[in-house]
Each structure stands twice: as C-alpha cells, then as structure tokens.
C-alpha cells in the first residue's frame, strides 16, 4: 500500500495557520486605529480577539508544530523541510508580535504641553478643544492631539491638573 505524501495538505495547513495568526495580530489594530470610524459590533469583536488572542495563538502554534512534525516524518527533501520550518517561523513571528501592546506605542505620554496665546494659535477655527479654567487662568487642549495621548498632566495657576477625555 502506497503512503500519501502530505505536501499539499501541509501547504493548506500552513497557509491556514498563518492566516489565522496574522488575523489575530492585524484585526484589532485595524479596528482600534485612531481616527477610524468603529462600529459597536466591530469594536466588540476586536476586543474579543484581544482577550482570547493568547489562547488562539497557542492553538495555532500547537497545530502548525504538529503539522510540521508530521510533514518532516514523511518528507525527506531538504528544501521542503526548509520551507516548512519557514512556515513555523512565520507563525511564531506573528505570535511574538501579538504579545506587543501596540496601543502603548501609539498612545505614548504627551509630555509637557506647549502653551501659546490664543491669538497666536495655529489651530483651525473649527478645531475642537477641551477647555480648563482654574483661578482665572485658562487652557485649551486640542482634541486632535489628545486623541493620541488621551491625557495631559499640566500646571495651571499653580495647581496641578490632569486634562483627559
């Protein structure tokens, strides 16, 4: 009885594993990207992916690892083994990247705000701001810059304040 070589089956398994692994990395980033409209269901799905991504990545890595062991037992050509190892490496890179919190990189601390008089401001007239007034002193923080940082620590009229939304 002739044994079946796993060539195309492994290619299908590897492509499926790579697609799932990279979807687990890319989908939440795509949905939660700043200044992009997000529907409630879409956001809920992206947050669910973030929550269950470690389990999904572990399952994908176990699956592609088992498929590679199966493939290596049946296939003895070195170049095919090289590409199967490359497939595992591709999925492993996606798994490592999934552990990086991209949102901490995107929403880095703002640092000290640059203060300018309203008359010399370069903001558009329709620019939305968060206005804060303390003891007669006022500041306006542009929503556009706050959407990346979400928080400003500042000192206004000698009082420490936190502007956020």
Protein backbone atom coordinates (compact mmCIF):
# COMPACT_ATOMS: atom_id res chain seq x y z
CA UNK A 1 0.00 0.00 0.00
CA UNK A 2 1.40 3.38 -1.02
CA UNK A 3 1.59 6.07 1.65
CA UNK A 4 0.27 9.50 0.79
CA UNK A 5 2.76 12.35 0.91
CA UNK A 6 1.49 15.31 2.91
CA UNK A 7 2.73 18.04 0.53
CA UNK A 8 -0.45 19.94 -0.40
CA UNK A 9 -2.16 19.14 2.87
CA UNK A 10 0.72 20.74 4.76
CA UNK A 11 0.68 23.78 2.48
CA UNK A 12 -3.04 24.19 3.20
CA UNK A 13 -2.48 23.77 6.96
CA UNK A 14 0.43 26.21 6.96
CA UNK A 15 -1.46 28.86 4.97
CA UNK A 16 -4.49 28.47 7.23
CA UNK A 17 -2.37 28.76 10.38
CA UNK A 18 -0.52 31.80 9.02
CA UNK A 19 -3.80 33.49 8.02
CA UNK A 20 -5.34 32.92 11.45
CA UNK A 21 -2.17 34.01 13.29
CA UNK A 22 -1.79 37.22 11.30
CA UNK A 23 -5.53 37.96 11.52
CA UNK A 24 -5.26 37.73 15.32
CA UNK A 25 -2.50 40.35 15.15
CA UNK A 26 -3.84 42.70 12.48
CA UNK A 27 -7.63 42.79 13.02
CA UNK A 28 -7.63 44.54 16.42
CA UNK A 29 -5.04 47.06 15.21
CA UNK A 30 -7.13 47.82 12.13
CA UNK A 31 -10.35 48.28 14.10
CA UNK A 32 -8.96 50.30 17.02
CA UNK A 33 -6.73 52.55 14.88
CA UNK A 34 -7.17 56.25 15.79
CA UNK A 35 -9.41 58.46 13.63
CA UNK A 36 -11.08 55.46 12.02
CA UNK A 37 -14.81 55.00 12.45
CA UNK A 38 -15.60 51.97 14.60
CA UNK A 39 -18.99 50.32 14.77
CA UNK A 40 -20.09 48.86 18.11
CA UNK A 41 -20.10 45.26 16.86
CA UNK A 42 -16.77 45.67 15.12
CA UNK A 43 -15.19 47.11 18.26
CA UNK A 44 -16.71 44.34 20.38
CA UNK A 45 -15.25 41.73 18.01
CA UNK A 46 -11.79 43.38 18.11
CA UNK A 47 -11.84 43.46 21.92
CA UNK A 48 -12.86 39.79 21.99
CA UNK A 49 -9.95 38.96 19.68
CA UNK A 50 -7.60 40.82 22.03
CA UNK A 51 -8.99 38.96 25.02
CA UNK A 52 -8.74 35.48 23.52
CA UNK A 53 -5.70 36.04 21.29
CA UNK A 54 -3.19 34.30 23.60
CA UNK A 55 -5.29 31.11 23.57
CA UNK A 56 -5.79 31.37 19.80
CA UNK A 57 -2.07 31.85 19.18
CA UNK A 58 -1.20 28.90 21.42
CA UNK A 59 -3.63 26.68 19.49
CA UNK A 60 -2.27 27.86 16.13
CA UNK A 61 1.33 27.25 17.25
CA UNK A 62 0.49 23.78 18.56
CA UNK A 63 -1.34 22.98 15.32
CA UNK A 64 1.41 24.17 12.99
CA UNK A 65 4.03 22.46 15.16
CA UNK A 66 2.18 19.14 14.98
CA UNK A 67 1.68 19.53 11.22
CA UNK A 68 5.39 20.24 10.77
CA UNK A 69 6.42 17.16 12.75
CA UNK A 70 4.01 15.09 10.63
CA UNK A 71 5.39 16.63 7.44
CA UNK A 72 9.04 16.10 8.40
CA UNK A 73 8.45 12.42 9.05
CA UNK A 74 7.03 11.92 5.57
CA UNK A 75 9.17 14.36 3.56
CA UNK A 76 12.94 13.98 3.26
CA UNK A 77 13.81 16.72 0.76
CA UNK A 78 15.84 19.43 2.45
CA UNK A 79 14.32 22.37 0.56
CA UNK A 80 10.80 21.27 1.53
CA UNK A 81 11.88 20.94 5.14
CA UNK A 82 13.37 24.43 4.92
CA UNK A 83 10.05 25.89 3.74
CA UNK A 84 8.12 24.02 6.42
CA UNK A 85 10.46 25.49 9.06
CA UNK A 86 9.97 28.89 7.46
CA UNK A 87 6.20 28.40 7.82
CA UNK A 88 6.56 27.70 11.54
CA UNK A 89 8.82 30.74 11.88
CA UNK A 90 6.19 32.95 10.17
CA UNK A 91 3.52 31.85 12.63
CA UNK A 92 5.96 32.24 15.56
CA UNK A 93 6.75 35.82 14.50
CA UNK A 94 3.02 36.61 14.48
CA UNK A 95 2.75 35.07 17.96
CA UNK A 96 5.60 37.23 19.28
CA UNK A 97 4.15 40.37 17.70
CA UNK A 98 0.78 39.59 19.28
CA UNK A 99 2.40 39.98 22.71
CA UNK A 100 3.44 43.59 21.99
CA UNK A 101 0.91 46.14 23.19
CA UNK A 102 0.70 48.34 20.09
CA UNK A 103 -1.64 50.75 21.87
CA UNK A 104 1.08 51.70 24.35
CA UNK A 105 3.28 52.54 21.37
CA UNK A 106 0.53 54.52 19.60
CA UNK A 107 -0.72 56.35 22.69
CA UNK A 108 2.56 57.39 24.27
CA UNK A 109 2.64 60.04 27.02
CA UNK A 110 2.27 63.59 25.74
CA UNK A 111 4.96 65.19 27.87
CA UNK A 112 4.74 68.85 28.81
CA UNK A 113 2.15 70.74 26.73
CA UNK A 114 3.35 73.65 24.65
CA UNK A 115 1.47 76.77 25.69
CA UNK A 116 0.70 79.67 23.35
CA UNK A 117 -1.63 82.64 23.49
CA UNK A 118 -4.97 82.11 21.75
CA UNK A 119 -4.20 84.97 19.34
CA UNK A 120 -1.02 83.25 18.12
CA UNK A 121 -2.55 79.76 17.95
CA UNK A 122 -2.21 77.85 14.70
CA UNK A 123 -5.40 75.85 15.28
CA UNK A 124 -8.22 75.93 12.74
CA UNK A 125 -11.23 77.98 13.77
CA UNK A 126 -13.38 74.84 13.92
CA UNK A 127 -10.87 72.84 15.97
CA UNK A 128 -12.44 71.15 18.99
CA UNK A 129 -10.69 71.65 22.33
CA UNK A 130 -11.09 70.73 25.98
CA UNK A 131 -11.08 73.98 27.95
CA UNK A 132 -10.00 74.19 31.58
CA UNK A 133 -10.26 77.27 33.78
CA UNK A 134 -8.66 77.42 37.26
CA UNK A 135 -8.49 80.60 39.38
CA UNK A 136 -8.91 82.86 36.35
CA UNK A 137 -6.26 81.10 34.23
CA UNK A 138 -7.45 79.09 31.23
CA UNK A 139 -6.01 76.49 28.87
CA UNK A 140 -7.36 74.70 25.82
CA UNK A 141 -6.15 71.24 24.83
CA UNK A 142 -6.84 70.27 21.19
CA UNK A 143 -8.85 67.07 20.83
CA UNK A 144 -6.77 66.13 17.78
CA UNK A 145 -3.58 65.82 19.85
CA UNK A 146 -5.41 64.35 22.84
CA UNK A 147 -6.73 61.51 20.70
CA UNK A 148 -3.19 60.15 20.56
CA UNK A 149 -2.26 60.78 24.18
CA UNK A 150 -5.63 60.83 25.99
CA UNK A 151 -4.12 62.64 28.95
CA UNK A 152 -2.15 65.79 29.71
CA UNK A 153 -0.52 66.48 33.06
CA UNK A 154 -0.15 70.21 33.43
CA UNK A 155 0.24 73.04 35.93
CA UNK A 156 -2.40 75.77 35.67
CA UNK A 157 -2.45 78.78 38.01
CA UNK A 158 -0.06 76.94 40.30
CA UNK A 159 -2.40 73.94 40.56
CA UNK A 160 -1.53 70.53 39.11
CA UNK A 161 -4.26 69.35 36.74
CA UNK A 162 -4.96 66.38 34.53
CA UNK A 163 -6.84 67.01 31.31
CA UNK A 164 -8.32 63.89 29.77
CA UNK A 165 -11.31 62.57 27.87
